[in-house]
Amino acid sequence: MSEKSKVKINPTKFQKNLNAACWILFLAFLGYSFLAWQHLPEMIPKHFNGAGIIDAYWSKNHFFFLPIMSAVTYLTISICEFFPQSWNIPQKKGASPLQNERNLSLAYSMVIWLKLECLIVFWLLTHYTVICRNLPVFFLALTMLIICATMGYYIYQMYRKKEGENHDYLH
């Protein structure tokens, strides 16, 4: 059996709570979507351009496209959490097993944070579709900044992390 097939994640309490928050937010988002559908006008925004301006409309019968895409994204990321051996995690040459375990924990935290961020983005897109308003002009840039900052922070921590350091409050 190869070393990669033995990979096991031992989630911290914070990681478990963050994952539970994702699950609760996901269920709340689905509830919001079903309740909102009843009050939609016949035509709703289909697409927002890069500046956040609505540039296409379609029938409200297509409204569940966003909740379905959100569910697919959420479930795909959640399933990937069960297969950490498939993750490409940076490892320093000669790193101790403890260092590799910390990198795995950092990667797991990053995945959970990204899942939460994706849920929030889908919820906001759905909400602006429901109220038939343009997105804030900074929406796309801020979304990309937050997602890239999350990945950058955790990748930096994986390369920087030294044995003996404890940053449990971050993951």
Protein backbone atom coordinates (compact mmCIF):
# COMPACT_ATOMS: atom_id res chain seq x y z
CA MET A 1 0.00 0.00 0.00
CA SER A 2 1.47 3.33 -0.99
CA GLU A 3 1.94 6.21 1.43
CA LYS A 4 -0.61 8.35 -0.46
CA SER A 5 -3.38 5.78 0.03
CA LYS A 6 -2.93 5.91 3.82
CA VAL A 7 -3.72 9.61 4.15
CA LYS A 8 -6.26 10.38 6.87
CA ILE A 9 -7.50 13.76 8.05
CA ASN A 10 -8.13 14.34 11.73
CA PRO A 11 -10.29 17.49 11.66
CA THR A 12 -9.85 20.04 14.42
CA LYS A 13 -12.88 21.29 16.33
CA PHE A 14 -12.71 24.53 14.34
CA GLN A 15 -12.71 22.62 11.03
CA LYS A 16 -15.71 20.54 12.15
CA ASN A 17 -17.58 23.69 13.19
CA LEU A 18 -16.72 25.47 9.94
CA ASN A 19 -17.94 22.48 7.94
CA ALA A 20 -21.15 22.42 10.00
CA ALA A 21 -21.60 26.14 9.25
CA CYS A 22 -21.22 25.36 5.53
CA TRP A 23 -23.88 22.67 5.77
CA ILE A 24 -26.29 24.98 7.63
CA LEU A 25 -25.66 27.80 5.13
CA PHE A 26 -26.21 25.39 2.23
CA LEU A 27 -29.57 24.23 3.63
CA ALA A 28 -30.60 27.83 4.40
CA PHE A 29 -29.65 28.83 0.85
CA LEU A 30 -31.81 26.07 -0.62
CA GLY A 31 -34.71 27.12 1.64
CA TYR A 32 -34.29 30.75 0.59
CA SER A 33 -34.28 29.72 -3.07
CA PHE A 34 -37.49 27.71 -2.78
CA LEU A 35 -39.26 30.48 -0.86
CA ALA A 36 -38.06 33.20 -3.23
CA TRP A 37 -39.25 31.36 -6.35
CA GLN A 38 -42.90 31.97 -5.45
CA HIS A 39 -42.40 35.75 -5.53
CA LEU A 40 -40.32 36.12 -8.68
CA PRO A 41 -41.51 38.13 -11.67
CA GLU A 42 -41.96 36.23 -14.93
CA MET A 43 -38.58 37.44 -16.28
CA ILE A 44 -35.46 37.38 -14.11
CA PRO A 45 -31.78 38.19 -14.69
CA LYS A 46 -29.91 35.45 -16.51
CA HIS A 47 -26.45 37.01 -16.63
CA PHE A 48 -24.46 39.82 -15.06
CA ASN A 49 -21.50 41.27 -16.97
CA GLY A 50 -18.09 41.92 -15.41
CA ALA A 51 -19.28 45.27 -14.07
CA GLY A 52 -22.25 43.58 -12.36
CA ILE A 53 -24.86 44.94 -14.78
CA ILE A 54 -27.69 42.67 -15.87
CA ASP A 55 -27.24 42.03 -19.57
CA ALA A 56 -29.66 39.16 -20.23
CA TYR A 57 -33.01 37.92 -18.90
CA TRP A 58 -34.88 34.64 -18.99
CA SER A 59 -38.03 33.03 -17.65
CA LYS A 60 -38.34 32.47 -13.92
CA ASN A 61 -38.64 28.77 -14.76
CA HIS A 62 -34.85 28.77 -15.13
CA PHE A 63 -34.33 30.20 -11.64
CA PHE A 64 -33.15 26.92 -10.11
CA PHE A 65 -30.06 26.87 -12.31
CA LEU A 66 -28.10 28.79 -9.63
CA PRO A 67 -29.21 26.62 -6.69
CA ILE A 68 -28.43 23.50 -8.73
CA MET A 69 -24.97 24.83 -9.63
CA SER A 70 -24.44 25.70 -5.98
CA ALA A 71 -25.43 22.18 -4.94
CA VAL A 72 -23.12 20.61 -7.53
CA THR A 73 -20.22 22.81 -6.38
CA TYR A 74 -20.93 22.17 -2.69
CA LEU A 75 -21.26 18.41 -3.13
CA THR A 76 -18.19 18.14 -5.37
CA ILE A 77 -16.01 19.98 -2.87
CA SER A 78 -17.50 17.95 0.01
CA ILE A 79 -16.78 14.67 -1.79
CA CYS A 80 -13.21 15.78 -2.54
CA GLU A 81 -12.69 16.24 1.20
CA PHE A 82 -12.94 12.46 1.58
CA PHE A 83 -10.02 11.84 -0.80
CA PRO A 84 -7.07 13.84 0.55
CA GLN A 85 -4.67 11.40 -1.11
CA SER A 86 -5.63 13.02 -4.43
CA TRP A 87 -4.69 16.53 -3.27
CA ASN A 88 -1.47 18.06 -4.50
CA ILE A 89 -0.03 19.43 -1.28
CA PRO A 90 3.36 21.18 -1.19
CA GLN A 91 5.92 19.20 0.76
CA LYS A 92 9.45 20.25 1.52
CA LYS A 93 12.18 17.77 0.82
CA GLY A 94 13.01 15.96 4.05
CA ALA A 95 9.94 17.31 5.88
CA SER A 96 8.90 15.35 8.93
CA PRO A 97 5.61 13.45 9.06
CA LEU A 98 4.40 16.08 11.54
CA GLN A 99 5.09 18.84 8.98
CA ASN A 100 3.23 16.88 6.29
CA GLU A 101 0.30 16.37 8.68
CA ARG A 102 0.19 20.12 9.33
CA ASN A 103 0.20 20.84 5.60
CA LEU A 104 -2.66 18.40 5.15
CA SER A 105 -4.60 20.15 7.91
CA LEU A 106 -3.90 23.54 6.31
CA ALA A 107 -5.06 22.23 2.93
CA TYR A 108 -8.22 20.85 4.53
CA SER A 109 -8.93 24.24 6.15
CA MET A 110 -8.39 25.95 2.81
CA VAL A 111 -10.88 23.62 1.10
CA ILE A 112 -13.52 24.28 3.77
CA TRP A 113 -13.03 28.07 3.57
CA LEU A 114 -13.27 27.96 -0.24
CA LYS A 115 -16.47 25.93 0.02
CA LEU A 116 -17.93 28.56 2.36
CA GLU A 117 -16.86 31.37 0.05
CA CYS A 118 -18.45 29.64 -2.96
CA LEU A 119 -21.71 29.23 -1.05
CA ILE A 120 -21.74 32.91 -0.15
CA VAL A 121 -21.08 33.93 -3.77
CA PHE A 122 -23.90 31.69 -5.05
CA TRP A 123 -26.24 33.06 -2.38
CA LEU A 124 -25.42 36.65 -3.35
CA LEU A 125 -25.89 35.91 -7.06
CA THR A 126 -29.22 34.27 -6.28
CA HIS A 127 -30.29 37.16 -4.07
CA TYR A 128 -29.49 39.75 -6.74
CA THR A 129 -31.39 37.60 -9.23
CA VAL A 130 -34.38 37.52 -6.88
CA ILE A 131 -34.44 41.28 -6.37
CA CYS A 132 -33.67 41.88 -10.08
CA ARG A 133 -30.91 44.39 -9.35
CA ASN A 134 -27.39 44.86 -10.67
CA LEU A 135 -24.55 43.48 -8.61
CA PRO A 136 -22.32 45.97 -6.80
CA VAL A 137 -19.63 47.18 -9.21
CA PHE A 138 -16.89 45.69 -7.00
CA PHE A 139 -18.54 42.24 -6.71
CA LEU A 140 -16.37 40.36 -9.22
CA ALA A 141 -13.11 41.95 -8.11
CA LEU A 142 -13.86 41.41 -4.43
CA THR A 143 -14.91 37.81 -5.03
CA MET A 144 -11.67 37.05 -6.89
CA LEU A 145 -9.62 38.87 -4.26
CA ILE A 146 -11.14 36.91 -1.38
CA ILE A 147 -10.77 33.54 -3.11
CA CYS A 148 -7.19 34.24 -4.21
CA ALA A 149 -6.29 35.63 -0.78
CA THR A 150 -7.61 32.49 0.91
CA MET A 151 -5.59 30.23 -1.38
CA GLY A 152 -2.52 32.44 -1.15
CA TYR A 153 -2.65 32.57 2.63
CA TYR A 154 -2.88 28.81 3.07
CA ILE A 155 -0.29 27.99 0.41
CA TYR A 156 2.06 30.49 2.04
CA GLN A 157 1.45 28.85 5.43
CA MET A 158 2.21 25.40 3.96
CA TYR A 159 5.60 26.55 2.74
CA ARG A 160 6.34 28.70 5.78
CA LYS A 161 5.14 26.45 8.58
CA LYS A 162 7.90 25.24 10.86
CA GLU A 163 7.78 22.42 13.35
CA GLY A 164 6.66 23.47 16.78
CA GLU A 165 4.47 26.32 15.55
CA ASN A 166 0.86 26.18 16.57
CA HIS A 167 -1.77 28.08 14.59
CA ASP A 168 -4.83 26.04 15.53
CA TYR A 169 -6.93 29.20 15.64
CA LEU A 170 -6.41 29.56 11.86
CA HIS A 171 -7.48 26.07 10.98
